Amino acid sequence: MKRSLIIAFLMISFVQLNVYADSLLYAIDSHNVEQVKTLLEPYEHLSHEYKKKLMKAAKQASHEAKAKISIFRSGPDFVKSLAGMSTAGIGIVGVILGIVVRSSCTGYCDDGLKLLATLFSVGSSAVIGAGTVLVYKGLKLSAAQASLAQAREIETAIFLKPAHHE
């Protein structure tokens, strides 16, 4: 009976340690800086082998994040650029329609229609501005750059954690 309890306790401890380690590796892979720091906090020192394993995972995550710094490899940035181009395109069509309606209104149009066409062009210009901002943010690769910065911060946090040989 005693032996069964000891074995059960050891198995639970081992499973808990593996789940803890797996959650740390998952946090590294997902570039979750706060979770990595929280999970590293209880450790005063890391074993040399464990630190080596974590550093390898962090360097791999950094390498993958660096490889994604391209408009076609960074999904969020590509979507931002595409959405911005579509939005700006719709705004350009709106401005052109407003100008066409306004210029085609000669003597037979009332002032309300001219005002409406002018307001439509102005509103469409604002849509062009919003689209341009999205295109800029997408081409700047802000999501990919943020991911790389997070990966490097995780790498630094693991590097600064002291290790000891067992």
C-alpha atoms as a PDB file:
ATOM      1  CA  MET A   1       0.000   0.000   0.000  1.00  0.00           C
ATOM      2  CA  LYS A   2       2.782   2.382   0.981  1.00  0.00           C
ATOM      3  CA  ARG A   3       4.715   1.529  -2.146  1.00  0.00           C
ATOM      4  CA  SER A   4       1.658   2.177  -4.327  1.00  0.00           C
ATOM      5  CA  LEU A   5       1.187   5.614  -2.778  1.00  0.00           C
ATOM      6  CA  ILE A   6       4.853   6.503  -3.271  1.00  0.00           C
ATOM      7  CA  ILE A   7       4.749   5.359  -6.911  1.00  0.00           C
ATOM      8  CA  ALA A   8       1.517   7.302  -7.493  1.00  0.00           C
ATOM      9  CA  PHE A   9       3.040  10.417  -5.905  1.00  0.00           C
ATOM     10  CA  LEU A  10       6.182  10.130  -8.034  1.00  0.00           C
ATOM     11  CA  MET A  11       4.137   9.652 -11.202  1.00  0.00           C
ATOM     12  CA  ILE A  12       1.993  12.691 -10.417  1.00  0.00           C
ATOM     13  CA  SER A  13       5.112  14.775  -9.766  1.00  0.00           C
ATOM     14  CA  PHE A  14       6.686  13.605 -13.019  1.00  0.00           C
ATOM     15  CA  VAL A  15       3.526  14.328 -15.023  1.00  0.00           C
ATOM     16  CA  GLN A  16       3.194  17.739 -13.388  1.00  0.00           C
ATOM     17  CA  LEU A  17       6.825  18.566 -14.221  1.00  0.00           C
ATOM     18  CA  ASN A  18       6.365  17.469 -17.843  1.00  0.00           C
ATOM     19  CA  VAL A  19       3.172  19.517 -18.218  1.00  0.00           C
ATOM     20  CA  TYR A  20       4.975  22.510 -16.709  1.00  0.00           C
ATOM     21  CA  ALA A  21       7.920  22.080 -19.083  1.00  0.00           C
ATOM     22  CA  ASP A  22       5.599  21.583 -22.045  1.00  0.00           C
ATOM     23  CA  SER A  23       3.687  24.748 -21.190  1.00  0.00           C
ATOM     24  CA  LEU A  24       6.982  26.652 -21.065  1.00  0.00           C
ATOM     25  CA  LEU A  25       7.973  25.298 -24.480  1.00  0.00           C
ATOM     26  CA  TYR A  26       4.507  26.148 -25.803  1.00  0.00           C
ATOM     27  CA  ALA A  27       4.831  29.705 -24.448  1.00  0.00           C
ATOM     28  CA  ILE A  28       8.199  30.030 -26.192  1.00  0.00           C
ATOM     29  CA  ASP A  29       6.763  28.801 -29.492  1.00  0.00           C
ATOM     30  CA  SER A  30       3.785  31.153 -29.258  1.00  0.00           C
ATOM     31  CA  HIS A  31       6.025  34.168 -28.388  1.00  0.00           C
ATOM     32  CA  ASN A  32       4.145  34.767 -25.129  1.00  0.00           C
ATOM     33  CA  VAL A  33       6.722  36.817 -23.208  1.00  0.00           C
ATOM     34  CA  GLU A  34       4.663  37.273 -20.041  1.00  0.00           C
ATOM     35  CA  GLN A  35       3.833  33.589 -19.733  1.00  0.00           C
ATOM     36  CA  VAL A  36       7.493  32.597 -20.220  1.00  0.00           C
ATOM     37  CA  LYS A  37       8.594  35.041 -17.532  1.00  0.00           C
ATOM     38  CA  THR A  38       5.856  33.815 -15.201  1.00  0.00           C
ATOM     39  CA  LEU A  39       6.797  30.166 -15.751  1.00  0.00           C
ATOM     40  CA  LEU A  40      10.529  30.879 -15.277  1.00  0.00           C
ATOM     41  CA  GLU A  41       9.952  32.862 -12.089  1.00  0.00           C
ATOM     42  CA  PRO A  42       9.722  29.923  -9.645  1.00  0.00           C
ATOM     43  CA  TYR A  43      13.121  28.618 -10.753  1.00  0.00           C
ATOM     44  CA  GLU A  44      16.046  30.137  -8.918  1.00  0.00           C
ATOM     45  CA  HIS A  45      18.388  28.142 -11.152  1.00  0.00           C
ATOM     46  CA  LEU A  46      17.811  25.954 -14.179  1.00  0.00           C
ATOM     47  CA  SER A  47      19.641  22.737 -14.766  1.00  0.00           C
ATOM     48  CA  HIS A  48      22.244  23.084 -17.487  1.00  0.00           C
ATOM     49  CA  GLU A  49      20.472  20.573 -19.759  1.00  0.00           C
ATOM     50  CA  TYR A  50      17.055  22.174 -19.275  1.00  0.00           C
ATOM     51  CA  LYS A  51      18.413  25.650 -19.974  1.00  0.00           C
ATOM     52  CA  LYS A  52      20.114  24.296 -23.083  1.00  0.00           C
ATOM     53  CA  LYS A  53      16.786  22.811 -24.236  1.00  0.00           C
ATOM     54  CA  LEU A  54      14.939  26.087 -23.578  1.00  0.00           C
ATOM     55  CA  MET A  55      17.627  28.143 -25.341  1.00  0.00           C
ATOM     56  CA  LYS A  56      17.422  25.857 -28.352  1.00  0.00           C
ATOM     57  CA  ALA A  57      13.633  26.318 -28.496  1.00  0.00           C
ATOM     58  CA  ALA A  58      13.973  30.103 -28.057  1.00  0.00           C
ATOM     59  CA  LYS A  59      16.620  30.380 -30.795  1.00  0.00           C
ATOM     60  CA  GLN A  60      14.443  28.290 -33.096  1.00  0.00           C
ATOM     61  CA  ALA A  61      11.467  30.579 -32.387  1.00  0.00           C
ATOM     62  CA  SER A  62      13.655  33.635 -33.092  1.00  0.00           C
ATOM     63  CA  HIS A  63      14.913  32.111 -36.318  1.00  0.00           C
ATOM     64  CA  GLU A  64      11.358  31.317 -37.463  1.00  0.00           C
ATOM     65  CA  ALA A  65      10.170  34.823 -36.575  1.00  0.00           C
ATOM     66  CA  LYS A  66      13.055  36.355 -38.512  1.00  0.00           C
ATOM     67  CA  ALA A  67      12.233  34.183 -41.528  1.00  0.00           C
ATOM     68  CA  LYS A  68       8.662  35.558 -41.492  1.00  0.00           C
ATOM     69  CA  ILE A  69       9.777  39.141 -42.037  1.00  0.00           C
ATOM     70  CA  SER A  70       8.379  39.307 -45.544  1.00  0.00           C
ATOM     71  CA  ILE A  71       5.068  40.602 -46.813  1.00  0.00           C
ATOM     72  CA  PHE A  72       4.121  37.207 -48.240  1.00  0.00           C
ATOM     73  CA  ARG A  73       5.229  35.158 -45.203  1.00  0.00           C
ATOM     74  CA  SER A  74       3.612  37.311 -42.553  1.00  0.00           C
ATOM     75  CA  GLY A  75      -0.101  36.566 -42.775  1.00  0.00           C
ATOM     76  CA  PRO A  76      -1.404  39.457 -40.632  1.00  0.00           C
ATOM     77  CA  ASP A  77       0.735  42.002 -42.484  1.00  0.00           C
ATOM     78  CA  PHE A  78      -0.301  40.629 -45.874  1.00  0.00           C
ATOM     79  CA  VAL A  79      -3.977  40.795 -44.887  1.00  0.00           C
ATOM     80  CA  LYS A  80      -3.529  44.381 -43.614  1.00  0.00           C
ATOM     81  CA  SER A  81      -1.938  45.432 -46.902  1.00  0.00           C
ATOM     82  CA  LEU A  82      -4.584  43.694 -48.976  1.00  0.00           C
ATOM     83  CA  ALA A  83      -7.410  45.188 -46.900  1.00  0.00           C
ATOM     84  CA  GLY A  84      -5.804  48.625 -47.150  1.00  0.00           C
ATOM     85  CA  MET A  85      -5.480  48.393 -50.922  1.00  0.00           C
ATOM     86  CA  SER A  86      -9.111  47.289 -51.227  1.00  0.00           C
ATOM     87  CA  THR A  87     -10.289  50.059 -48.927  1.00  0.00           C
ATOM     88  CA  ALA A  88      -8.269  52.701 -50.770  1.00  0.00           C
ATOM     89  CA  GLY A  89      -9.567  51.379 -54.089  1.00  0.00           C
ATOM     90  CA  ILE A  90     -13.171  51.687 -52.904  1.00  0.00           C
ATOM     91  CA  GLY A  91     -12.391  55.228 -51.730  1.00  0.00           C
ATOM     92  CA  ILE A  92     -10.925  56.147 -55.126  1.00  0.00           C
ATOM     93  CA  VAL A  93     -14.032  54.831 -56.877  1.00  0.00           C
ATOM     94  CA  GLY A  94     -16.147  56.900 -54.482  1.00  0.00           C
ATOM     95  CA  VAL A  95     -14.185  60.076 -55.192  1.00  0.00           C
ATOM     96  CA  ILE A  96     -14.457  59.521 -58.940  1.00  0.00           C
ATOM     97  CA  LEU A  97     -18.212  58.908 -58.674  1.00  0.00           C
ATOM     98  CA  GLY A  98     -18.637  62.077 -56.621  1.00  0.00           C
ATOM     99  CA  ILE A  99     -16.663  64.120 -59.138  1.00  0.00           C
ATOM    100  CA  VAL A 100     -18.582  62.653 -62.085  1.00  0.00           C
ATOM    101  CA  VAL A 101     -21.953  63.343 -60.454  1.00  0.00           C
ATOM    102  CA  ARG A 102     -20.914  66.869 -59.490  1.00  0.00           C
ATOM    103  CA  SER A 103     -19.527  67.703 -62.933  1.00  0.00           C
ATOM    104  CA  SER A 104     -22.512  66.211 -64.754  1.00  0.00           C
ATOM    105  CA  CYS A 105     -24.842  68.413 -62.745  1.00  0.00           C
ATOM    106  CA  THR A 106     -25.091  71.514 -64.861  1.00  0.00           C
ATOM    107  CA  GLY A 107     -28.135  73.706 -64.768  1.00  0.00           C
ATOM    108  CA  TYR A 108     -30.798  71.078 -64.132  1.00  0.00           C
ATOM    109  CA  CYS A 109     -29.448  69.759 -60.777  1.00  0.00           C
ATOM    110  CA  ASP A 110     -30.416  71.287 -57.488  1.00  0.00           C
ATOM    111  CA  ASP A 111     -27.881  72.427 -54.920  1.00  0.00           C
ATOM    112  CA  GLY A 112     -28.705  69.485 -52.632  1.00  0.00           C
ATOM    113  CA  LEU A 113     -27.427  66.951 -55.165  1.00  0.00           C
ATOM    114  CA  LYS A 114     -24.235  68.950 -55.712  1.00  0.00           C
ATOM    115  CA  LEU A 115     -23.701  69.144 -51.956  1.00  0.00           C
ATOM    116  CA  LEU A 116     -24.367  65.408 -51.613  1.00  0.00           C
ATOM    117  CA  ALA A 117     -21.847  64.619 -54.385  1.00  0.00           C
ATOM    118  CA  THR A 118     -19.259  66.851 -52.705  1.00  0.00           C
ATOM    119  CA  LEU A 119     -19.824  65.238 -49.311  1.00  0.00           C
ATOM    120  CA  PHE A 120     -19.576  61.795 -50.920  1.00  0.00           C
ATOM    121  CA  SER A 121     -16.193  62.749 -52.421  1.00  0.00           C
ATOM    122  CA  VAL A 122     -14.949  64.085 -49.079  1.00  0.00           C
ATOM    123  CA  GLY A 123     -16.105  60.936 -47.257  1.00  0.00           C
ATOM    124  CA  SER A 124     -14.450  58.792 -49.890  1.00  0.00           C
ATOM    125  CA  SER A 125     -11.229  60.737 -49.381  1.00  0.00           C
ATOM    126  CA  ALA A 126     -11.331  59.744 -45.700  1.00  0.00           C
ATOM    127  CA  VAL A 127     -11.756  56.113 -46.786  1.00  0.00           C
ATOM    128  CA  ILE A 128      -8.666  56.486 -49.008  1.00  0.00           C
ATOM    129  CA  GLY A 129      -6.759  57.798 -45.971  1.00  0.00           C
ATOM    130  CA  ALA A 130      -7.802  54.832 -43.825  1.00  0.00           C
ATOM    131  CA  GLY A 131      -6.823  52.423 -46.604  1.00  0.00           C
ATOM    132  CA  THR A 132      -3.456  54.114 -46.994  1.00  0.00           C
ATOM    133  CA  VAL A 133      -2.773  53.746 -43.259  1.00  0.00           C
ATOM    134  CA  LEU A 134      -3.567  50.023 -43.447  1.00  0.00           C
ATOM    135  CA  VAL A 135      -1.290  49.572 -46.455  1.00  0.00           C
ATOM    136  CA  TYR A 136       1.506  51.418 -44.626  1.00  0.00           C
ATOM    137  CA  LYS A 137       1.129  49.279 -41.501  1.00  0.00           C
ATOM    138  CA  GLY A 138       1.098  46.111 -43.586  1.00  0.00           C
ATOM    139  CA  LEU A 139       4.145  47.057 -45.646  1.00  0.00           C
ATOM    140  CA  LYS A 140       5.975  48.124 -42.484  1.00  0.00           C
ATOM    141  CA  LEU A 141       5.564  44.494 -41.336  1.00  0.00           C
ATOM    142  CA  SER A 142       4.540  45.594 -37.853  1.00  0.00           C
ATOM    143  CA  ALA A 143       3.153  42.171 -36.838  1.00  0.00           C
ATOM    144  CA  ALA A 144       6.256  40.314 -38.025  1.00  0.00           C
ATOM    145  CA  GLN A 145       8.575  42.829 -36.338  1.00  0.00           C
ATOM    146  CA  ALA A 146       6.630  42.554 -33.068  1.00  0.00           C
ATOM    147  CA  SER A 147       6.827  38.763 -33.207  1.00  0.00           C
ATOM    148  CA  LEU A 148      10.606  38.913 -33.702  1.00  0.00           C
ATOM    149  CA  ALA A 149      10.996  41.373 -30.820  1.00  0.00           C
ATOM    150  CA  GLN A 150       8.991  39.074 -28.539  1.00  0.00           C
ATOM    151  CA  ALA A 151      11.048  36.038 -29.562  1.00  0.00           C
ATOM    152  CA  ARG A 152      14.285  37.900 -28.837  1.00  0.00           C
ATOM    153  CA  GLU A 153      12.961  39.080 -25.470  1.00  0.00           C
ATOM    154  CA  ILE A 154      12.150  35.472 -24.547  1.00  0.00           C
ATOM    155  CA  GLU A 155      15.624  34.393 -25.654  1.00  0.00           C
ATOM    156  CA  THR A 156      17.169  37.077 -23.440  1.00  0.00           C
ATOM    157  CA  ALA A 157      15.011  36.109 -20.437  1.00  0.00           C
ATOM    158  CA  ILE A 158      16.129  32.484 -20.704  1.00  0.00           C
ATOM    159  CA  PHE A 159      19.749  33.474 -21.280  1.00  0.00           C
ATOM    160  CA  LEU A 160      19.784  35.610 -18.122  1.00  0.00           C
ATOM    161  CA  LYS A 161      18.395  32.805 -15.958  1.00  0.00           C
ATOM    162  CA  PRO A 162      21.310  31.176 -14.052  1.00  0.00           C
ATOM    163  CA  ALA A 163      22.089  27.498 -14.669  1.00  0.00           C
ATOM    164  CA  HIS A 164      23.914  24.907 -12.626  1.00  0.00           C
ATOM    165  CA  HIS A 165      25.345  21.505 -13.410  1.00  0.00           C
ATOM    166  CA  GLU A 166      23.763  18.574 -11.657  1.00  0.00           C
END
